[in-house]
Amino acid sequence: MARMDFMDSRSVQLIHFVPLPAGLAQPAAEVTTRLRCSVVPNPWKKRAFLFQGLEKRSAWFGGGEALGIVGAAQVSPDLSAIQPQFDVSVSGTQVNVNWGWQGQGQFLDMCELQVDRGQGFVLLAFDTTPGYNDTTPFPTAPAKWTYRAIFHVGDGRVGQWSNPVSVMVG
């Protein structure tokens, strides 16, 4: 066993504890070794600073995209107007809710799905992967299940509720 004590930013004191066989007395002092290590600074920090400086210079305008070090500016969509669009289908004994990010996945975190099985809308799932399978057992008599969805950013809802989509089950 060993314990490492950091003496300063460049020195490490390594203290060895050597277990001895049963019946032998433990040594009175610890065996200590001092190690010197070199500290390597973060090489990417300096490069990132350089690229930021180049980006601000007018003579270098547009060169970052060609080199692949500066991406094209992305404009966030109007999140107050975004509305999920999806369809539902029955496959065997489950309902497939086929939702997607609609090309806005980098701005959204999850999709809240709700279902109405005749008692009003209730929470079905918070889903972060497009497409959801509702595995609730079907009723014995035919029934209409209605689904709706809304996107989330963080813990809050954004945009508008989707149009309700219904399917017959049972």
N, C-alpha and C. Protein backbone atom coordinates (compact mmCIF):
# COMPACT_ATOMS: atom_id res chain seq x y z
N MET A 1 0.84 -1.18 0.00
CA MET A 1 0.00 0.00 0.00
C MET A 1 0.88 1.23 0.00
N ALA A 2 0.35 2.31 -0.53
CA ALA A 2 1.12 3.55 -0.56
C ALA A 2 0.18 4.73 -0.41
N ARG A 3 0.73 5.81 0.09
CA ARG A 3 -0.02 7.05 0.23
C ARG A 3 0.79 8.13 -0.46
N MET A 4 0.12 8.99 -1.24
CA MET A 4 0.82 10.07 -1.93
C MET A 4 0.49 11.38 -1.26
N ASP A 5 1.50 12.15 -0.88
CA ASP A 5 1.32 13.48 -0.32
C ASP A 5 1.93 14.47 -1.30
N PHE A 6 1.19 15.48 -1.71
CA PHE A 6 1.69 16.49 -2.63
C PHE A 6 2.37 17.58 -1.82
N MET A 7 3.68 17.70 -2.02
CA MET A 7 4.47 18.66 -1.26
C MET A 7 4.31 20.07 -1.83
N ASP A 8 4.40 20.21 -3.13
CA ASP A 8 4.16 21.47 -3.83
C ASP A 8 3.71 21.09 -5.23
N SER A 9 3.64 22.05 -6.14
CA SER A 9 3.10 21.75 -7.46
C SER A 9 3.98 20.80 -8.27
N ARG A 10 5.25 20.59 -7.87
CA ARG A 10 6.13 19.74 -8.66
C ARG A 10 6.67 18.53 -7.90
N SER A 11 6.43 18.44 -6.62
CA SER A 11 6.98 17.34 -5.82
C SER A 11 5.86 16.49 -5.25
N VAL A 12 6.07 15.21 -5.23
CA VAL A 12 5.13 14.27 -4.64
C VAL A 12 5.92 13.39 -3.69
N GLN A 13 5.43 13.23 -2.48
CA GLN A 13 6.08 12.35 -1.51
C GLN A 13 5.28 11.05 -1.49
N LEU A 14 5.92 9.95 -1.83
CA LEU A 14 5.28 8.65 -1.88
C LEU A 14 5.71 7.88 -0.65
N ILE A 15 4.78 7.53 0.21
CA ILE A 15 5.08 6.82 1.45
C ILE A 15 4.62 5.38 1.28
N HIS A 16 5.55 4.44 1.42
CA HIS A 16 5.27 3.02 1.22
C HIS A 16 4.94 2.35 2.55
N PHE A 17 3.91 1.56 2.55
CA PHE A 17 3.58 0.71 3.68
C PHE A 17 3.70 -0.72 3.18
N VAL A 18 4.69 -1.43 3.62
CA VAL A 18 4.93 -2.79 3.16
C VAL A 18 4.39 -3.75 4.20
N PRO A 19 3.36 -4.54 3.86
CA PRO A 19 2.86 -5.49 4.86
C PRO A 19 3.88 -6.61 5.07
N LEU A 20 4.12 -6.96 6.32
CA LEU A 20 5.06 -8.02 6.67
C LEU A 20 4.29 -9.28 7.05
N PRO A 21 4.92 -10.44 6.88
CA PRO A 21 4.25 -11.68 7.28
C PRO A 21 3.90 -11.66 8.76
N ALA A 22 2.92 -12.46 9.14
CA ALA A 22 2.46 -12.53 10.53
C ALA A 22 3.62 -12.93 11.45
N GLY A 23 3.70 -12.33 12.59
CA GLY A 23 4.73 -12.66 13.56
C GLY A 23 5.95 -11.75 13.50
N LEU A 24 6.16 -11.00 12.45
CA LEU A 24 7.29 -10.08 12.35
C LEU A 24 6.85 -8.70 12.80
N ALA A 25 7.72 -7.99 13.45
CA ALA A 25 7.42 -6.65 13.95
C ALA A 25 7.42 -5.66 12.80
N GLN A 26 6.52 -4.72 12.84
CA GLN A 26 6.47 -3.67 11.83
C GLN A 26 7.61 -2.68 12.08
N PRO A 27 8.21 -2.09 11.00
CA PRO A 27 9.29 -1.12 11.20
C PRO A 27 8.77 0.12 11.92
N ALA A 28 9.68 0.75 12.64
CA ALA A 28 9.32 1.93 13.41
C ALA A 28 9.10 3.14 12.53
N ALA A 29 9.77 3.21 11.38
CA ALA A 29 9.67 4.37 10.49
C ALA A 29 9.06 3.95 9.15
N GLU A 30 8.47 4.92 8.48
CA GLU A 30 7.92 4.69 7.15
C GLU A 30 9.03 4.81 6.12
N VAL A 31 8.92 4.08 5.03
CA VAL A 31 9.87 4.20 3.93
C VAL A 31 9.34 5.30 3.02
N THR A 32 10.12 6.34 2.80
CA THR A 32 9.66 7.51 2.06
C THR A 32 10.50 7.72 0.81
N THR A 33 9.84 8.04 -0.31
CA THR A 33 10.52 8.35 -1.56
C THR A 33 9.96 9.67 -2.06
N ARG A 34 10.83 10.58 -2.47
CA ARG A 34 10.39 11.84 -3.08
C ARG A 34 10.53 11.73 -4.58
N LEU A 35 9.48 12.12 -5.27
CA LEU A 35 9.49 12.11 -6.73
C LEU A 35 9.38 13.54 -7.24
N ARG A 36 10.11 13.85 -8.29
CA ARG A 36 9.97 15.14 -8.97
C ARG A 36 9.23 14.87 -10.27
N CYS A 37 8.20 15.64 -10.53
CA CYS A 37 7.50 15.49 -11.79
C CYS A 37 7.42 16.84 -12.48
N SER A 38 7.42 16.77 -13.77
CA SER A 38 7.29 18.02 -14.53
C SER A 38 5.81 18.26 -14.80
N VAL A 39 5.41 19.50 -14.69
CA VAL A 39 4.02 19.89 -14.92
C VAL A 39 3.90 20.34 -16.37
N VAL A 40 3.02 19.66 -17.11
CA VAL A 40 2.82 20.00 -18.52
C VAL A 40 1.59 20.89 -18.62
N PRO A 41 1.73 22.12 -19.13
CA PRO A 41 0.56 22.99 -19.26
C PRO A 41 -0.38 22.47 -20.35
N ASN A 42 -1.61 22.91 -20.29
CA ASN A 42 -2.61 22.51 -21.28
C ASN A 42 -2.24 23.10 -22.64
N PRO A 43 -1.87 22.25 -23.62
CA PRO A 43 -1.47 22.80 -24.93
C PRO A 43 -2.63 23.36 -25.73
N TRP A 44 -3.86 22.90 -25.48
CA TRP A 44 -5.02 23.37 -26.26
C TRP A 44 -5.48 24.75 -25.83
N LYS A 45 -5.21 25.11 -24.59
CA LYS A 45 -5.63 26.42 -24.11
C LYS A 45 -4.95 27.53 -24.91
N LYS A 46 -3.65 27.36 -25.16
CA LYS A 46 -2.92 28.37 -25.92
C LYS A 46 -3.41 28.42 -27.37
N ARG A 47 -3.69 27.25 -27.96
CA ARG A 47 -4.17 27.22 -29.35
C ARG A 47 -5.56 27.86 -29.46
N ALA A 48 -6.43 27.57 -28.51
CA ALA A 48 -7.77 28.16 -28.55
C ALA A 48 -7.69 29.67 -28.48
N PHE A 49 -6.80 30.19 -27.63
CA PHE A 49 -6.61 31.63 -27.52
C PHE A 49 -6.13 32.20 -28.85
N LEU A 50 -5.21 31.50 -29.53
CA LEU A 50 -4.69 31.94 -30.82
C LEU A 50 -5.81 31.98 -31.86
N PHE A 51 -6.64 30.93 -31.90
CA PHE A 51 -7.72 30.88 -32.89
C PHE A 51 -8.74 31.99 -32.64
N GLN A 52 -9.04 32.28 -31.37
CA GLN A 52 -9.97 33.36 -31.07
C GLN A 52 -9.42 34.69 -31.55
N GLY A 53 -8.13 34.90 -31.39
CA GLY A 53 -7.52 36.14 -31.86
C GLY A 53 -7.56 36.25 -33.37
N LEU A 54 -7.30 35.15 -34.06
CA LEU A 54 -7.33 35.17 -35.53
C LEU A 54 -8.74 35.44 -36.04
N GLU A 55 -9.73 34.89 -35.35
CA GLU A 55 -11.11 35.06 -35.78
C GLU A 55 -11.53 36.53 -35.76
N LYS A 56 -10.96 37.31 -34.84
CA LYS A 56 -11.35 38.71 -34.70
C LYS A 56 -10.67 39.62 -35.72
N ARG A 57 -9.64 39.13 -36.37
CA ARG A 57 -8.93 39.98 -37.33
C ARG A 57 -9.67 39.99 -38.67
N SER A 58 -9.89 41.16 -39.22
CA SER A 58 -10.66 41.27 -40.46
C SER A 58 -9.93 40.66 -41.64
N ALA A 59 -8.60 40.63 -41.65
CA ALA A 59 -7.85 40.06 -42.77
C ALA A 59 -8.03 38.54 -42.83
N TRP A 60 -8.43 37.93 -41.72
CA TRP A 60 -8.56 36.49 -41.66
C TRP A 60 -10.01 36.05 -41.84
N PHE A 61 -10.89 36.97 -42.18
CA PHE A 61 -12.32 36.72 -42.27
C PHE A 61 -12.63 35.51 -43.15
N GLY A 62 -13.34 34.54 -42.61
CA GLY A 62 -13.77 33.39 -43.39
C GLY A 62 -12.79 32.25 -43.46
N GLY A 63 -11.57 32.44 -43.06
CA GLY A 63 -10.58 31.36 -43.17
C GLY A 63 -10.79 30.24 -42.17
N GLY A 64 -11.41 30.51 -41.05
CA GLY A 64 -11.62 29.49 -40.02
C GLY A 64 -12.53 28.37 -40.48
N GLU A 65 -13.54 28.69 -41.27
CA GLU A 65 -14.44 27.65 -41.77
C GLU A 65 -13.69 26.71 -42.71
N ALA A 66 -12.83 27.27 -43.57
CA ALA A 66 -12.07 26.45 -44.51
C ALA A 66 -11.10 25.53 -43.79
N LEU A 67 -10.52 25.99 -42.69
CA LEU A 67 -9.58 25.17 -41.93
C LEU A 67 -10.27 24.20 -40.98
N GLY A 68 -11.56 24.38 -40.77
CA GLY A 68 -12.29 23.51 -39.88
C GLY A 68 -12.11 23.81 -38.40
N ILE A 69 -11.62 25.01 -38.07
CA ILE A 69 -11.42 25.35 -36.66
C ILE A 69 -12.49 26.31 -36.16
N VAL A 70 -13.26 26.88 -37.05
CA VAL A 70 -14.37 27.76 -36.67
C VAL A 70 -15.57 27.30 -37.46
N GLY A 71 -16.65 26.94 -36.77
CA GLY A 71 -17.86 26.48 -37.44
C GLY A 71 -18.71 27.64 -37.90
N ALA A 72 -19.62 27.36 -38.79
CA ALA A 72 -20.55 28.37 -39.26
C ALA A 72 -21.46 28.78 -38.11
N ALA A 73 -21.85 30.04 -38.09
CA ALA A 73 -22.73 30.53 -37.03
C ALA A 73 -24.08 29.82 -37.12
N GLN A 74 -24.58 29.36 -35.98
CA GLN A 74 -25.87 28.70 -35.94
C GLN A 74 -26.87 29.61 -35.25
N VAL A 75 -27.98 29.81 -35.91
CA VAL A 75 -29.02 30.68 -35.37
C VAL A 75 -30.07 29.80 -34.70
N SER A 76 -30.35 30.09 -33.46
CA SER A 76 -31.36 29.33 -32.72
C SER A 76 -32.74 29.63 -33.30
N PRO A 77 -33.59 28.61 -33.42
CA PRO A 77 -34.94 28.85 -33.93
C PRO A 77 -35.77 29.59 -32.88
N ASP A 78 -36.90 30.09 -33.30
CA ASP A 78 -37.84 30.73 -32.38
C ASP A 78 -38.49 29.62 -31.55
N LEU A 79 -37.97 29.41 -30.35
CA LEU A 79 -38.45 28.31 -29.52
C LEU A 79 -39.87 28.52 -29.00
N SER A 80 -40.37 29.74 -29.06
CA SER A 80 -41.75 29.95 -28.62
C SER A 80 -42.75 29.46 -29.65
N ALA A 81 -42.31 29.24 -30.88
CA ALA A 81 -43.22 28.82 -31.94
C ALA A 81 -43.02 27.37 -32.36
N ILE A 82 -41.99 26.70 -31.84
CA ILE A 82 -41.72 25.34 -32.27
C ILE A 82 -42.82 24.39 -31.78
N GLN A 83 -43.22 23.45 -32.65
CA GLN A 83 -44.31 22.54 -32.33
C GLN A 83 -43.95 21.15 -32.84
N PRO A 84 -43.95 20.13 -31.96
CA PRO A 84 -43.62 18.78 -32.41
C PRO A 84 -44.62 18.28 -33.45
N GLN A 85 -44.10 17.53 -34.40
CA GLN A 85 -44.94 16.86 -35.39
C GLN A 85 -44.58 15.38 -35.34
N PHE A 86 -45.58 14.52 -35.22
CA PHE A 86 -45.32 13.09 -35.11
C PHE A 86 -46.52 12.32 -35.60
N ASP A 87 -46.33 11.01 -35.76
CA ASP A 87 -47.44 10.13 -36.07
C ASP A 87 -47.36 8.92 -35.15
N VAL A 88 -48.45 8.18 -35.07
CA VAL A 88 -48.49 6.99 -34.23
C VAL A 88 -48.96 5.81 -35.08
N SER A 89 -48.49 4.62 -34.72
CA SER A 89 -48.90 3.40 -35.42
C SER A 89 -48.92 2.26 -34.42
N VAL A 90 -49.77 1.27 -34.69
CA VAL A 90 -49.85 0.09 -33.84
C VAL A 90 -48.97 -0.98 -34.45
N SER A 91 -48.13 -1.58 -33.62
CA SER A 91 -47.26 -2.67 -34.06
C SER A 91 -47.35 -3.78 -33.03
N GLY A 92 -48.09 -4.83 -33.34
CA GLY A 92 -48.27 -5.93 -32.40
C GLY A 92 -49.09 -5.47 -31.21
N THR A 93 -48.48 -5.49 -30.03
CA THR A 93 -49.20 -5.11 -28.81
C THR A 93 -48.69 -3.80 -28.23
N GLN A 94 -48.15 -2.95 -29.06
CA GLN A 94 -47.68 -1.65 -28.58
C GLN A 94 -47.95 -0.57 -29.61
N VAL A 95 -47.97 0.67 -29.12
CA VAL A 95 -48.16 1.83 -30.00
C VAL A 95 -46.81 2.51 -30.18
N ASN A 96 -46.41 2.73 -31.43
CA ASN A 96 -45.16 3.43 -31.74
C ASN A 96 -45.47 4.91 -31.94
N VAL A 97 -44.86 5.75 -31.10
CA VAL A 97 -45.00 7.20 -31.24
C VAL A 97 -43.75 7.67 -31.98
N ASN A 98 -43.91 7.99 -33.24
CA ASN A 98 -42.77 8.33 -34.11
C ASN A 98 -42.54 9.83 -34.13
N TRP A 99 -41.81 10.31 -33.12
CA TRP A 99 -41.49 11.73 -33.04
C TRP A 99 -40.02 11.94 -33.40
N GLY A 100 -39.65 13.15 -33.75
CA GLY A 100 -38.25 13.49 -34.06
C GLY A 100 -37.96 14.93 -33.68
N TRP A 101 -36.70 15.30 -33.83
CA TRP A 101 -36.26 16.65 -33.45
C TRP A 101 -36.59 17.70 -34.50
N GLN A 102 -37.01 17.30 -35.68
CA GLN A 102 -37.35 18.22 -36.77
C GLN A 102 -36.17 19.11 -37.15
N GLY A 103 -34.96 18.57 -37.05
CA GLY A 103 -33.77 19.32 -37.43
C GLY A 103 -33.29 20.30 -36.38
N GLN A 104 -33.90 20.32 -35.21
CA GLN A 104 -33.55 21.30 -34.17
C GLN A 104 -32.98 20.62 -32.92
N GLY A 105 -32.45 19.42 -33.06
CA GLY A 105 -31.96 18.65 -31.93
C GLY A 105 -30.88 19.33 -31.11
N GLN A 106 -30.04 20.16 -31.74
CA GLN A 106 -28.97 20.81 -30.98
C GLN A 106 -29.51 21.91 -30.06
N PHE A 107 -30.75 22.34 -30.25
CA PHE A 107 -31.32 23.40 -29.42
C PHE A 107 -32.32 22.87 -28.40
N LEU A 108 -32.69 21.58 -28.50
CA LEU A 108 -33.71 20.99 -27.64
C LEU A 108 -33.12 19.87 -26.80
N ASP A 109 -33.72 19.59 -25.64
CA ASP A 109 -33.20 18.56 -24.74
C ASP A 109 -34.05 17.30 -24.69
N MET A 110 -35.36 17.43 -24.70
CA MET A 110 -36.22 16.25 -24.62
C MET A 110 -37.62 16.57 -25.12
N CYS A 111 -38.40 15.51 -25.23
CA CYS A 111 -39.78 15.63 -25.66
C CYS A 111 -40.67 15.02 -24.58
N GLU A 112 -41.65 15.78 -24.15
CA GLU A 112 -42.63 15.27 -23.18
C GLU A 112 -43.81 14.70 -23.96
N LEU A 113 -44.14 13.45 -23.68
CA LEU A 113 -45.27 12.79 -24.34
C LEU A 113 -46.39 12.58 -23.33
N GLN A 114 -47.61 12.86 -23.76
CA GLN A 114 -48.78 12.63 -22.93
C GLN A 114 -49.78 11.80 -23.71
N VAL A 115 -50.61 11.07 -22.99
CA VAL A 115 -51.61 10.21 -23.63
C VAL A 115 -52.95 10.40 -22.92
N ASP A 116 -54.02 10.33 -23.72
CA ASP A 116 -55.39 10.36 -23.21
C ASP A 116 -56.02 9.02 -23.56
N ARG A 117 -56.31 8.24 -22.52
CA ARG A 117 -56.94 6.93 -22.73
C ARG A 117 -58.40 6.96 -22.26
N GLY A 118 -59.01 8.13 -22.39
CA GLY A 118 -60.41 8.30 -22.00
C GLY A 118 -60.59 9.02 -20.69
N GLN A 119 -59.51 9.33 -19.98
CA GLN A 119 -59.60 9.99 -18.68
C GLN A 119 -58.93 11.36 -18.70
N GLY A 120 -58.58 11.88 -19.86
CA GLY A 120 -57.84 13.14 -19.96
C GLY A 120 -56.35 12.86 -20.14
N PHE A 121 -55.61 13.87 -20.56
CA PHE A 121 -54.18 13.68 -20.83
C PHE A 121 -53.40 13.48 -19.53
N VAL A 122 -52.52 12.48 -19.53
CA VAL A 122 -51.61 12.20 -18.42
C VAL A 122 -50.21 11.99 -19.00
N LEU A 123 -49.20 12.16 -18.15
CA LEU A 123 -47.81 12.00 -18.58
C LEU A 123 -47.55 10.57 -19.02
N LEU A 124 -46.94 10.42 -20.18
CA LEU A 124 -46.52 9.11 -20.66
C LEU A 124 -45.02 8.94 -20.48
N ALA A 125 -44.22 9.94 -20.94
CA ALA A 125 -42.77 9.82 -20.83
C ALA A 125 -42.10 11.15 -21.12
N PHE A 126 -40.88 11.30 -20.58
CA PHE A 126 -39.94 12.34 -20.99
C PHE A 126 -38.89 11.59 -21.80
N ASP A 127 -38.84 11.83 -23.10
CA ASP A 127 -37.99 11.02 -23.99
C ASP A 127 -36.89 11.89 -24.60
N THR A 128 -35.67 11.37 -24.62
CA THR A 128 -34.54 12.09 -25.21
C THR A 128 -34.06 11.45 -26.50
N THR A 129 -34.66 10.31 -26.88
CA THR A 129 -34.29 9.62 -28.11
C THR A 129 -35.52 9.55 -29.00
N PRO A 130 -35.45 10.04 -30.23
CA PRO A 130 -36.63 10.03 -31.10
C PRO A 130 -37.24 8.64 -31.26
N GLY A 131 -38.57 8.63 -31.23
CA GLY A 131 -39.32 7.39 -31.32
C GLY A 131 -39.54 6.81 -29.93
N TYR A 132 -40.79 6.51 -29.60
CA TYR A 132 -41.11 5.95 -28.29
C TYR A 132 -42.13 4.85 -28.49
N ASN A 133 -41.97 3.75 -27.75
CA ASN A 133 -42.91 2.63 -27.80
C ASN A 133 -43.72 2.60 -26.53
N ASP A 134 -45.03 2.81 -26.67
CA ASP A 134 -45.96 2.73 -25.53
C ASP A 134 -46.35 1.27 -25.37
N THR A 135 -45.87 0.65 -24.30
CA THR A 135 -46.09 -0.78 -24.08
C THR A 135 -47.23 -1.05 -23.09
N THR A 136 -48.06 -0.06 -22.85
CA THR A 136 -49.22 -0.27 -21.98
C THR A 136 -50.13 -1.33 -22.61
N PRO A 137 -50.57 -2.32 -21.82
CA PRO A 137 -51.44 -3.37 -22.40
C PRO A 137 -52.72 -2.78 -23.00
N PHE A 138 -53.12 -3.33 -24.13
CA PHE A 138 -54.34 -2.87 -24.80
C PHE A 138 -55.56 -3.33 -24.02
N PRO A 139 -56.64 -2.52 -24.06
CA PRO A 139 -57.89 -2.97 -23.43
C PRO A 139 -58.52 -4.08 -24.28
N THR A 140 -59.44 -4.85 -23.66
CA THR A 140 -60.09 -5.93 -24.42
C THR A 140 -61.08 -5.37 -25.44
N ALA A 141 -61.75 -4.29 -25.10
CA ALA A 141 -62.68 -3.66 -26.04
C ALA A 141 -61.94 -2.59 -26.83
N PRO A 142 -62.32 -2.35 -28.09
CA PRO A 142 -61.65 -1.30 -28.87
C PRO A 142 -61.78 0.07 -28.19
N ALA A 143 -60.68 0.83 -28.23
CA ALA A 143 -60.65 2.15 -27.61
C ALA A 143 -59.77 3.07 -28.43
N LYS A 144 -60.03 4.37 -28.27
CA LYS A 144 -59.22 5.37 -28.96
C LYS A 144 -58.25 5.99 -27.97
N TRP A 145 -56.95 5.92 -28.28
CA TRP A 145 -55.92 6.57 -27.47
C TRP A 145 -55.41 7.76 -28.26
N THR A 146 -55.27 8.90 -27.57
CA THR A 146 -54.82 10.14 -28.21
C THR A 146 -53.52 10.58 -27.56
N TYR A 147 -52.56 10.96 -28.40
CA TYR A 147 -51.23 11.37 -27.93
C TYR A 147 -50.98 12.84 -28.29
N ARG A 148 -50.16 13.51 -27.48
CA ARG A 148 -49.68 14.85 -27.78
C ARG A 148 -48.27 14.99 -27.22
N ALA A 149 -47.55 16.02 -27.69
CA ALA A 149 -46.15 16.19 -27.28
C ALA A 149 -45.79 17.67 -27.22
N ILE A 150 -44.74 17.96 -26.44
CA ILE A 150 -44.16 19.30 -26.37
C ILE A 150 -42.67 19.14 -26.08
N PHE A 151 -41.86 20.01 -26.64
CA PHE A 151 -40.41 19.94 -26.43
C PHE A 151 -40.03 20.62 -25.13
N HIS A 152 -38.84 20.24 -24.61
CA HIS A 152 -38.27 20.83 -23.40
C HIS A 152 -36.86 21.32 -23.68
N VAL A 153 -36.48 22.41 -23.04
CA VAL A 153 -35.09 22.85 -22.95
C VAL A 153 -34.82 22.95 -21.45
N GLY A 154 -33.86 22.18 -20.98
CA GLY A 154 -33.64 22.09 -19.54
C GLY A 154 -34.86 21.44 -18.92
N ASP A 155 -35.38 22.04 -17.87
CA ASP A 155 -36.56 21.50 -17.19
C ASP A 155 -37.85 22.18 -17.62
N GLY A 156 -37.78 23.11 -18.57
CA GLY A 156 -38.97 23.86 -18.95
C GLY A 156 -39.50 23.52 -20.33
N ARG A 157 -40.79 23.60 -20.47
CA ARG A 157 -41.44 23.41 -21.77
C ARG A 157 -41.17 24.61 -22.66
N VAL A 158 -40.99 24.33 -23.95
CA VAL A 158 -40.84 25.41 -24.94
C VAL A 158 -41.76 25.12 -26.12
N GLY A 159 -42.23 26.18 -26.72
CA GLY A 159 -43.05 26.04 -27.91
C GLY A 159 -44.50 25.74 -27.60
N GLN A 160 -45.14 25.11 -28.58
CA GLN A 160 -46.57 24.82 -28.51
C GLN A 160 -46.78 23.31 -28.42
N TRP A 161 -47.90 22.91 -27.83
CA TRP A 161 -48.28 21.50 -27.85
C TRP A 161 -48.52 21.07 -29.28
N SER A 162 -48.19 19.84 -29.57
CA SER A 162 -48.45 19.30 -30.91
C SER A 162 -49.96 19.15 -31.12
N ASN A 163 -50.33 18.94 -32.35
CA ASN A 163 -51.71 18.59 -32.62
C ASN A 163 -51.93 17.18 -32.10
N PRO A 164 -53.07 16.89 -31.46
CA PRO A 164 -53.32 15.53 -30.96
C PRO A 164 -53.41 14.53 -32.12
N VAL A 165 -52.84 13.35 -31.88
CA VAL A 165 -52.87 12.26 -32.89
C VAL A 165 -53.48 11.04 -32.21
N SER A 166 -54.49 10.46 -32.86
CA SER A 166 -55.22 9.33 -32.25
C SER A 166 -54.99 8.03 -33.00
N VAL A 167 -55.19 6.92 -32.27
CA VAL A 167 -55.07 5.58 -32.84
C VAL A 167 -56.08 4.67 -32.14
N MET A 168 -56.62 3.72 -32.85
CA MET A 168 -57.56 2.75 -32.27
C MET A 168 -56.76 1.53 -31.81
N VAL A 169 -57.02 1.08 -30.59
CA VAL A 169 -56.35 -0.09 -30.02
C VAL A 169 -57.38 -1.06 -29.47
N GLY A 170 -57.00 -2.28 -29.22
CA GLY A 170 -57.88 -3.27 -28.59
C GLY A 170 -58.45 -4.25 -29.55
